[in-house]
Amino acid sequence: MKTAIIYATKYGATKKVAEKLATMIPKATVLPLAFVHADVLEDYQNIIIGSPITAGMVDKELKAFVGNYQEKLKQHNVGLFLCGLQPEQASEVFVENFSAELLTHATVKAFVGGIYDPTQCSFFSKLVMKKVAGLTTYTNQLDEDKINEIAAQFS
């Protein structure tokens, strides 16, 4: 079965996870959200959707996409993954940003951790990360086990 891995990214961690999943899932294609429209969904049986978490919210364009195409998405096997550095927010972020109907339909919902790379951030973002998470240097908190679990569900 063909799998589309649709993602939005802010600093690149979600893209890295999407690309890693594509190497682990047969017949998987990575699609940046900007290149996806309703007709593209018809070409795939599985749809995996990934987003970064910023201030408790998923990417706004991704949220709009999921809202606009929820009925089409429910015709496929769906997986959802979130990237971020605050795992304690994950459950709340899923509930606040995706419909209960889609969450129930999804085969997998996973928080896969995140990456903080200060070279990719604005001064303000660096300040926020230092204040909120205490991070000042490159940090990779991607959870390889969670990524493997997603891949196993769609292999």
Protein backbone atom coordinates (compact mmCIF):
# COMPACT_ATOMS: atom_id res chain seq x y z
CA MET A 1 0.00 0.00 0.00
CA LYS A 2 1.19 3.49 -0.82
CA THR A 3 1.80 5.92 2.03
CA ALA A 4 1.90 9.72 1.90
CA ILE A 5 3.83 11.37 4.71
CA ILE A 6 2.54 14.94 4.79
CA TYR A 7 4.34 17.39 7.02
CA ALA A 8 4.71 21.00 8.03
CA THR A 9 7.91 22.15 9.67
CA LYS A 10 9.24 25.27 11.32
CA TYR A 11 12.93 24.53 11.85
CA GLY A 12 13.31 21.15 10.16
CA ALA A 13 12.76 18.48 12.83
CA THR A 14 9.38 17.40 11.44
CA LYS A 15 10.89 17.11 7.97
CA LYS A 16 13.69 14.91 9.37
CA VAL A 17 11.15 12.60 11.00
CA ALA A 18 9.07 12.44 7.80
CA GLU A 19 12.15 11.56 5.76
CA LYS A 20 13.23 8.92 8.27
CA LEU A 21 9.77 7.34 8.20
CA ALA A 22 9.90 7.25 4.40
CA THR A 23 13.07 5.14 4.55
CA MET A 24 11.33 2.67 6.86
CA ILE A 25 7.92 2.33 5.18
CA PRO A 26 7.66 0.63 1.77
CA LYS A 27 6.14 2.77 -1.01
CA ALA A 28 6.20 5.94 1.13
CA THR A 29 6.40 9.43 -0.32
CA VAL A 30 7.30 12.55 1.66
CA LEU A 31 5.12 15.54 0.78
CA PRO A 32 5.58 19.03 2.21
CA LEU A 33 2.13 20.39 3.06
CA ALA A 34 2.52 23.20 0.52
CA PHE A 35 2.42 20.62 -2.31
CA VAL A 36 -0.65 18.71 -1.14
CA HIS A 37 -4.22 19.12 -2.39
CA ALA A 38 -7.31 16.92 -2.23
CA ASP A 39 -6.55 15.03 -5.44
CA VAL A 40 -3.17 13.91 -4.11
CA LEU A 41 -4.86 12.06 -1.25
CA GLU A 42 -6.60 9.73 -3.72
CA ASP A 43 -3.25 8.25 -4.76
CA TYR A 44 -2.54 6.81 -1.29
CA GLN A 45 -4.06 4.27 1.06
CA ASN A 46 -2.14 5.49 4.12
CA ILE A 47 -1.73 9.11 5.18
CA ILE A 48 0.71 10.09 7.93
CA ILE A 49 0.54 13.72 9.04
CA GLY A 50 3.28 15.46 11.04
CA SER A 51 3.52 18.89 12.62
CA PRO A 52 5.73 20.82 14.98
CA ILE A 53 4.25 22.16 18.19
CA THR A 54 4.73 25.88 18.77
CA ALA A 55 3.21 27.41 21.90
CA GLY A 56 0.83 24.46 22.22
CA MET A 57 -0.41 24.67 18.63
CA VAL A 58 0.23 22.65 15.50
CA ASP A 59 1.13 24.45 12.28
CA LYS A 60 -1.86 26.64 11.32
CA GLU A 61 -1.85 25.63 7.64
CA LEU A 62 -1.70 21.96 8.62
CA LYS A 63 -4.59 22.42 11.04
CA ALA A 64 -6.64 24.09 8.29
CA PHE A 65 -5.74 21.30 5.84
CA VAL A 66 -6.84 18.60 8.27
CA GLY A 67 -10.06 20.48 9.02
CA ASN A 68 -10.86 21.02 5.34
CA TYR A 69 -10.13 17.43 4.29
CA GLN A 70 -11.20 15.49 7.36
CA GLU A 71 -13.84 13.46 5.50
CA LYS A 72 -11.35 12.51 2.77
CA LEU A 73 -8.72 11.65 5.39
CA LYS A 74 -11.15 9.29 7.11
CA GLN A 75 -11.25 7.21 3.92
CA HIS A 76 -7.59 6.29 4.55
CA ASN A 77 -5.49 4.74 7.27
CA VAL A 78 -4.27 7.81 9.17
CA GLY A 79 -1.32 8.38 11.48
CA LEU A 80 -0.51 11.59 13.33
CA PHE A 81 2.81 12.64 14.81
CA LEU A 82 3.93 15.74 16.64
CA CYS A 83 7.43 17.13 17.11
CA GLY A 84 8.31 19.22 20.12
CA LEU A 85 10.40 19.48 23.24
CA GLN A 86 7.66 19.33 25.86
CA PRO A 87 6.18 15.82 25.92
CA GLU A 88 3.90 16.70 28.80
CA GLN A 89 1.89 18.85 26.35
CA ALA A 90 1.33 16.10 23.77
CA SER A 91 -2.09 14.79 24.85
CA GLU A 92 -3.49 18.28 25.23
CA VAL A 93 -2.08 19.38 21.86
CA PHE A 94 -3.72 16.45 20.07
CA VAL A 95 -7.10 17.22 21.66
CA GLU A 96 -6.86 20.98 21.08
CA ASN A 97 -5.79 20.74 17.44
CA PHE A 98 -7.51 17.70 15.94
CA SER A 99 -11.17 16.68 16.01
CA ALA A 100 -12.23 13.85 18.31
CA GLU A 101 -13.50 12.06 15.20
CA LEU A 102 -10.10 12.13 13.49
CA LEU A 103 -8.27 11.20 16.70
CA THR A 104 -10.53 8.17 17.09
CA HIS A 105 -10.01 7.21 13.45
CA ALA A 106 -6.20 7.54 13.54
CA THR A 107 -4.27 4.28 13.72
CA VAL A 108 -1.43 5.95 15.59
CA LYS A 109 -0.96 9.24 17.45
CA ALA A 110 2.61 9.81 18.58
CA PHE A 111 4.72 12.51 20.13
CA VAL A 112 8.21 11.88 18.72
CA GLY A 113 10.24 14.55 20.51
CA GLY A 114 12.10 17.32 18.78
CA ILE A 115 15.30 19.11 17.99
CA TYR A 116 16.43 22.51 19.18
CA ASP A 117 19.06 24.05 16.94
CA PRO A 118 19.83 27.64 17.95
CA THR A 119 21.51 28.30 14.60
CA GLN A 120 18.05 27.97 12.98
CA CYS A 121 16.27 30.30 15.40
CA SER A 122 15.66 34.02 15.61
CA PHE A 123 16.92 35.98 18.59
CA PHE A 124 13.40 36.02 20.05
CA SER A 125 12.99 32.25 19.62
CA LYS A 126 16.32 31.65 21.34
CA LEU A 127 15.21 33.85 24.22
CA VAL A 128 11.93 31.96 24.57
CA MET A 129 13.65 28.56 24.46
CA LYS A 130 16.11 29.64 27.12
CA LYS A 131 13.31 30.94 29.35
CA VAL A 132 10.75 28.17 28.79
CA ALA A 133 12.89 25.05 28.31
CA GLY A 134 16.26 26.15 29.65
CA LEU A 135 17.91 25.29 26.32
CA THR A 136 20.86 27.21 24.94
CA THR A 137 22.71 24.60 22.86
CA TYR A 138 21.85 22.07 20.16
CA THR A 139 19.56 19.41 21.61
CA ASN A 140 18.20 16.32 19.85
CA GLN A 141 15.37 14.68 21.78
CA LEU A 142 13.87 12.66 18.93
CA ASP A 143 12.43 9.40 20.23
CA GLU A 144 13.63 6.69 17.85
CA ASP A 145 11.37 4.11 19.50
CA LYS A 146 8.27 6.20 18.77
CA ILE A 147 9.38 6.74 15.18
CA ASN A 148 9.90 2.98 14.84
CA GLU A 149 6.40 2.36 16.25
CA ILE A 150 4.85 4.60 13.60
CA ALA A 151 6.81 2.85 10.86
CA ALA A 152 5.75 -0.57 12.15
CA GLN A 153 2.07 0.43 11.96
CA PHE A 154 2.38 1.33 8.28
CA SER A 155 4.87 -1.28 7.03
